[in-house]
Amino acid sequence: MGKVFVFVNQKGGVGKTTSAINIGAYLSLKNHKILLIDFDPQGNMSSGLGIYDRTPSVYDVLVKKVNIEKAIRKSPLKNLSVLPASIDLSGATVELVEAERRDFFLSDVIKGVRDLYDYILIDCPPSLGILTLNGLVASDAVHIPLQCEYFALEGLALLLETVKRVQSGSNPNLKIAGIFFTMYDPRTKLAQEVVQQVKSYFEDKVFSTIIPRNVKLSEAPSHGLPICLYDDKCAGALAYKKLAEEIEGRG
């Protein structure tokens, strides 16, 4: 049975989608079968892997218009598949709120394909709304990308409180797999202080690999490629390869 990881941070622009794509890509290069689930209506994970035709999408699977197998797409990498998102997913949020429903439907979607993959990675929107709650309830573990700035620390406390609520209710088996730093610039004192503070508080929950600021990581999605196919020698690629190995090693 495959492991399900969700990538969550309610703050946008922290490298969450970039991390999910590239960690999935490097895990796939180690002969693991990977499914990426784009659960953000913006669909950045989908476009970042060159998937622009998103019909059917994860929304169509959720509302039972199509089976999940018909919605899954191939990526540029052999062992990496994608369940794309579309803007219709934002409509699902409205429908659930208006109907006052709290059913966590993503779990049911994943059950049907969990045995087909070694890892399923879910990319959630930058919020702590019902789509992100779905991702948390459907997962075995949470991975938290953290940008090295002051406001990231404030947001982390709120995120961890949300995780605790899910653990005490809908998903008691949910674990925090780890926190990793993104967009790190060693020249700034603030970045160094954020790393030190988080490491001193969370200790073994912090991955040792730090993702640096790297222009190649920003360029790769515009070409519809993971960094390992765009420039596998750049600093960002080497860091994500190492981080994927850490994640694999932790199980």
Protein backbone atom coordinates (compact mmCIF):
# COMPACT_ATOMS: atom_id res chain seq x y z
CA MET A 1 0.00 0.00 0.00
CA GLY A 2 1.38 3.37 -1.02
CA LYS A 3 2.24 6.12 1.44
CA VAL A 4 0.23 9.33 1.18
CA PHE A 5 2.00 12.62 1.91
CA VAL A 6 0.40 16.05 1.86
CA PHE A 7 2.34 19.29 1.35
CA VAL A 8 0.75 22.10 3.31
CA ASN A 9 1.40 25.73 4.08
CA GLN A 10 -1.35 28.34 4.19
CA LYS A 11 1.09 31.00 3.03
CA GLY A 12 1.48 31.25 -0.72
CA GLY A 13 4.80 31.48 -2.53
CA VAL A 14 6.79 29.24 -0.17
CA GLY A 15 7.77 26.63 -2.76
CA LYS A 16 5.11 24.10 -1.80
CA THR A 17 4.14 23.11 -5.33
CA THR A 18 7.74 23.23 -6.55
CA SER A 19 8.69 20.91 -3.69
CA ALA A 20 5.91 18.40 -4.32
CA ILE A 21 6.76 18.23 -8.03
CA ASN A 22 10.49 17.82 -7.59
CA ILE A 23 10.42 15.46 -4.62
CA GLY A 24 7.98 13.31 -6.58
CA ALA A 25 10.22 13.47 -9.63
CA TYR A 26 13.34 12.35 -7.78
CA LEU A 27 11.47 9.57 -5.99
CA SER A 28 10.26 8.37 -9.40
CA LEU A 29 13.83 8.26 -10.66
CA LYS A 30 14.54 5.73 -7.90
CA ASN A 31 12.01 3.38 -9.49
CA HIS A 32 9.14 4.32 -7.19
CA LYS A 33 5.72 4.69 -8.78
CA ILE A 34 4.48 8.16 -7.91
CA LEU A 35 1.08 9.84 -8.19
CA LEU A 36 0.92 13.60 -7.77
CA ILE A 37 -2.52 14.95 -6.88
CA ASP A 38 -3.05 18.60 -7.74
CA PHE A 39 -5.64 19.72 -5.19
CA ASP A 40 -5.25 23.44 -5.76
CA PRO A 41 -7.78 25.13 -8.10
CA GLN A 42 -4.94 27.23 -9.53
CA GLY A 43 -3.52 24.06 -11.09
CA ASN A 44 0.12 25.10 -10.82
CA MET A 45 1.29 21.54 -10.24
CA SER A 46 -0.45 20.46 -13.43
CA SER A 47 0.96 23.25 -15.61
CA GLY A 48 4.37 22.81 -13.98
CA LEU A 49 4.47 19.37 -15.56
CA GLY A 50 3.18 20.47 -18.94
CA ILE A 51 -0.45 19.40 -18.39
CA TYR A 52 -2.72 22.10 -19.77
CA ASP A 53 -5.73 20.05 -20.85
CA ARG A 54 -7.31 19.28 -17.47
CA THR A 55 -10.56 17.71 -18.53
CA PRO A 56 -11.26 15.44 -16.80
CA SER A 57 -9.71 16.67 -13.57
CA VAL A 58 -9.71 15.74 -9.91
CA TYR A 59 -12.99 17.63 -9.58
CA ASP A 60 -14.67 15.30 -12.09
CA VAL A 61 -13.45 12.34 -10.07
CA LEU A 62 -14.74 13.84 -6.82
CA VAL A 63 -18.24 14.39 -8.20
CA LYS A 64 -18.15 10.92 -9.75
CA LYS A 65 -18.32 12.01 -13.38
CA VAL A 66 -15.37 9.79 -14.29
CA ASN A 67 -13.26 7.07 -12.72
CA ILE A 68 -9.91 8.21 -11.38
CA GLU A 69 -8.01 6.09 -13.90
CA LYS A 70 -9.44 8.17 -16.76
CA ALA A 71 -8.31 11.44 -15.18
CA ILE A 72 -4.71 10.48 -14.36
CA ARG A 73 -2.13 11.79 -16.86
CA LYS A 74 1.41 10.81 -17.67
CA SER A 75 4.23 13.25 -16.93
CA PRO A 76 7.56 13.65 -18.74
CA LEU A 77 8.95 10.98 -16.37
CA LYS A 78 8.11 7.30 -16.77
CA ASN A 79 7.12 6.55 -13.15
CA LEU A 80 5.47 9.89 -12.39
CA SER A 81 1.73 10.36 -12.96
CA VAL A 82 -0.50 13.34 -12.24
CA LEU A 83 -4.14 13.81 -11.28
CA PRO A 84 -4.63 17.40 -12.49
CA ALA A 85 -6.72 20.18 -10.99
CA SER A 86 -9.03 22.66 -12.68
CA ILE A 87 -10.75 25.85 -11.60
CA ASP A 88 -13.89 23.75 -11.05
CA LEU A 89 -12.27 22.60 -7.81
CA SER A 90 -12.96 26.03 -6.30
CA GLY A 91 -16.63 25.38 -7.02
CA ALA A 92 -16.45 22.22 -4.94
CA THR A 93 -15.43 24.34 -1.97
CA VAL A 94 -18.43 26.61 -2.39
CA GLU A 95 -20.79 23.67 -2.82
CA LEU A 96 -19.59 22.02 0.37
CA VAL A 97 -19.84 25.20 2.42
CA GLU A 98 -23.32 26.06 1.12
CA ALA A 99 -24.54 22.53 1.82
CA GLU A 100 -22.86 22.62 5.26
CA ARG A 101 -21.15 19.34 4.43
CA ARG A 102 -17.95 18.24 6.08
CA ASP A 103 -17.41 14.89 4.37
CA PHE A 104 -13.80 14.33 3.42
CA PHE A 105 -14.17 12.98 -0.08
CA LEU A 106 -10.50 12.90 -1.16
CA SER A 107 -9.89 9.88 1.06
CA ASP A 108 -12.36 7.83 -0.96
CA VAL A 109 -10.71 8.84 -4.23
CA ILE A 110 -7.28 7.74 -3.02
CA LYS A 111 -8.47 4.39 -1.70
CA GLY A 112 -9.16 3.20 -5.23
CA VAL A 113 -5.56 3.65 -6.42
CA ARG A 114 -3.46 3.50 -3.29
CA ASP A 115 -2.17 0.00 -4.01
CA LEU A 116 -0.95 1.07 -7.47
CA TYR A 117 1.64 3.58 -6.23
CA ASP A 118 4.55 3.66 -3.80
CA TYR A 119 3.94 7.31 -2.92
CA ILE A 120 0.99 9.64 -3.44
CA LEU A 121 1.85 13.32 -2.97
CA ILE A 122 -0.95 15.87 -2.52
CA ASP A 123 -0.43 19.57 -3.26
CA CYS A 124 -2.98 21.68 -1.38
CA PRO A 125 -3.99 25.33 -1.90
CA PRO A 126 -2.35 28.07 0.22
CA SER A 127 -5.10 28.11 2.83
CA LEU A 128 -6.43 26.08 5.72
CA GLY A 129 -9.86 25.66 4.13
CA ILE A 130 -11.86 22.58 3.33
CA LEU A 131 -9.63 21.42 0.46
CA THR A 132 -6.57 21.43 2.70
CA LEU A 133 -8.54 19.64 5.42
CA ASN A 134 -9.38 16.99 2.83
CA GLY A 135 -5.69 16.59 2.10
CA LEU A 136 -4.83 16.24 5.78
CA VAL A 137 -7.54 13.69 6.44
CA ALA A 138 -6.56 11.62 3.40
CA SER A 139 -2.86 11.47 4.27
CA ASP A 140 -0.46 9.47 6.40
CA ALA A 141 1.91 12.36 7.00
CA VAL A 142 2.36 16.11 6.52
CA HIS A 143 5.37 17.76 4.92
CA ILE A 144 5.72 21.47 5.67
CA PRO A 145 7.83 23.70 3.42
CA LEU A 146 8.92 26.78 5.35
CA GLN A 147 10.30 29.93 3.82
CA CYS A 148 13.07 31.53 5.84
CA GLU A 149 11.29 34.69 6.96
CA TYR A 150 9.58 36.02 10.09
CA PHE A 151 5.94 35.64 9.01
CA ALA A 152 6.59 31.98 8.21
CA LEU A 153 7.05 31.32 11.92
CA GLU A 154 3.71 32.91 12.77
CA GLY A 155 1.93 30.84 10.13
CA LEU A 156 3.59 27.65 11.31
CA ALA A 157 1.88 27.85 14.72
CA LEU A 158 -1.55 28.11 13.10
CA LEU A 159 -0.82 25.25 10.73
CA LEU A 160 0.31 22.96 13.55
CA GLU A 161 -2.86 23.76 15.49
CA THR A 162 -4.92 22.71 12.46
CA VAL A 163 -2.95 19.46 12.22
CA LYS A 164 -3.67 18.79 15.91
CA ARG A 165 -7.40 19.25 15.35
CA VAL A 166 -7.35 16.76 12.49
CA GLN A 167 -5.35 14.31 14.63
CA SER A 168 -7.88 14.58 17.44
CA GLY A 169 -10.80 14.04 15.10
CA SER A 170 -10.93 12.72 11.55
CA ASN A 171 -7.40 11.31 11.19
CA PRO A 172 -5.77 10.23 14.47
CA ASN A 173 -2.97 8.46 12.55
CA LEU A 174 -1.77 11.63 10.83
CA LYS A 175 1.88 12.41 11.54
CA ILE A 176 4.11 15.39 10.92
CA ALA A 177 6.76 13.88 8.68
CA GLY A 178 8.96 16.92 8.77
CA ILE A 179 9.65 20.57 8.09
CA PHE A 180 12.06 21.70 5.41
CA PHE A 181 13.36 25.14 4.52
CA THR A 182 12.94 26.69 1.09
CA MET A 183 14.27 29.79 -0.69
CA TYR A 184 17.18 29.95 1.71
CA ASP A 185 19.65 32.78 1.26
CA PRO A 186 22.68 32.27 3.53
CA ARG A 187 23.69 35.91 3.09
CA THR A 188 20.79 37.15 5.23
CA LYS A 189 20.93 37.07 9.01
CA LEU A 190 17.15 36.58 9.23
CA ALA A 191 17.28 33.35 7.22
CA GLN A 192 19.97 31.97 9.51
CA GLU A 193 17.97 32.96 12.61
CA VAL A 194 14.76 31.33 11.33
CA VAL A 195 16.61 28.07 10.64
CA GLN A 196 18.19 28.10 14.10
CA GLN A 197 14.89 28.83 15.88
CA VAL A 198 12.93 26.13 14.08
CA LYS A 199 15.67 23.54 14.51
CA SER A 200 16.01 24.28 18.23
CA TYR A 201 12.27 23.87 18.78
CA PHE A 202 11.37 20.99 16.45
CA GLU A 203 14.71 19.18 16.50
CA ASP A 204 14.38 15.83 14.66
CA LYS A 205 11.27 16.98 12.79
CA VAL A 206 13.43 19.27 10.64
CA PHE A 207 15.03 17.81 7.52
CA SER A 208 18.74 18.51 7.23
CA THR A 209 18.51 19.43 3.55
CA ILE A 210 17.81 23.12 2.88
CA ILE A 211 16.50 24.28 -0.51
CA PRO A 212 18.36 27.40 -1.66
CA ARG A 213 17.05 30.29 -3.70
CA ASN A 214 17.74 29.23 -7.27
CA VAL A 215 16.55 30.82 -10.50
CA LYS A 216 16.49 27.46 -12.30
CA LEU A 217 13.79 26.24 -9.92
CA SER A 218 11.66 29.21 -10.95
CA GLU A 219 12.29 28.67 -14.66
CA ALA A 220 11.57 24.93 -14.84
CA PRO A 221 7.73 25.11 -14.43
CA SER A 222 7.42 27.49 -17.39
CA HIS A 223 8.90 24.70 -19.51
CA GLY A 224 6.58 22.08 -18.01
CA LEU A 225 9.49 20.15 -16.54
CA PRO A 226 10.71 19.06 -13.11
CA ILE A 227 14.12 20.40 -12.25
CA CYS A 228 15.79 17.02 -12.86
CA LEU A 229 14.90 17.32 -16.57
CA TYR A 230 15.45 21.06 -16.86
CA ASP A 231 18.86 21.40 -15.19
CA ASP A 232 19.93 18.50 -13.03
CA LYS A 233 23.27 20.10 -12.13
CA CYS A 234 21.98 23.34 -10.59
CA ALA A 235 21.99 23.93 -6.84
CA GLY A 236 18.20 23.57 -6.59
CA ALA A 237 18.24 20.20 -8.35
CA LEU A 238 20.99 18.82 -6.12
CA ALA A 239 19.11 19.98 -3.02
CA TYR A 240 15.79 18.40 -4.05
CA LYS A 241 17.54 15.16 -4.94
CA LYS A 242 19.04 15.05 -1.46
CA LEU A 243 15.74 15.97 0.20
CA ALA A 244 13.92 13.21 -1.69
CA GLU A 245 16.52 10.76 -0.40
CA GLU A 246 15.92 11.99 3.14
CA ILE A 247 12.17 11.55 2.77
CA GLU A 248 12.64 8.07 1.33
CA GLY A 249 14.96 7.19 4.21
CA ARG A 250 12.45 8.28 6.84
CA GLY A 251 9.82 6.04 5.26
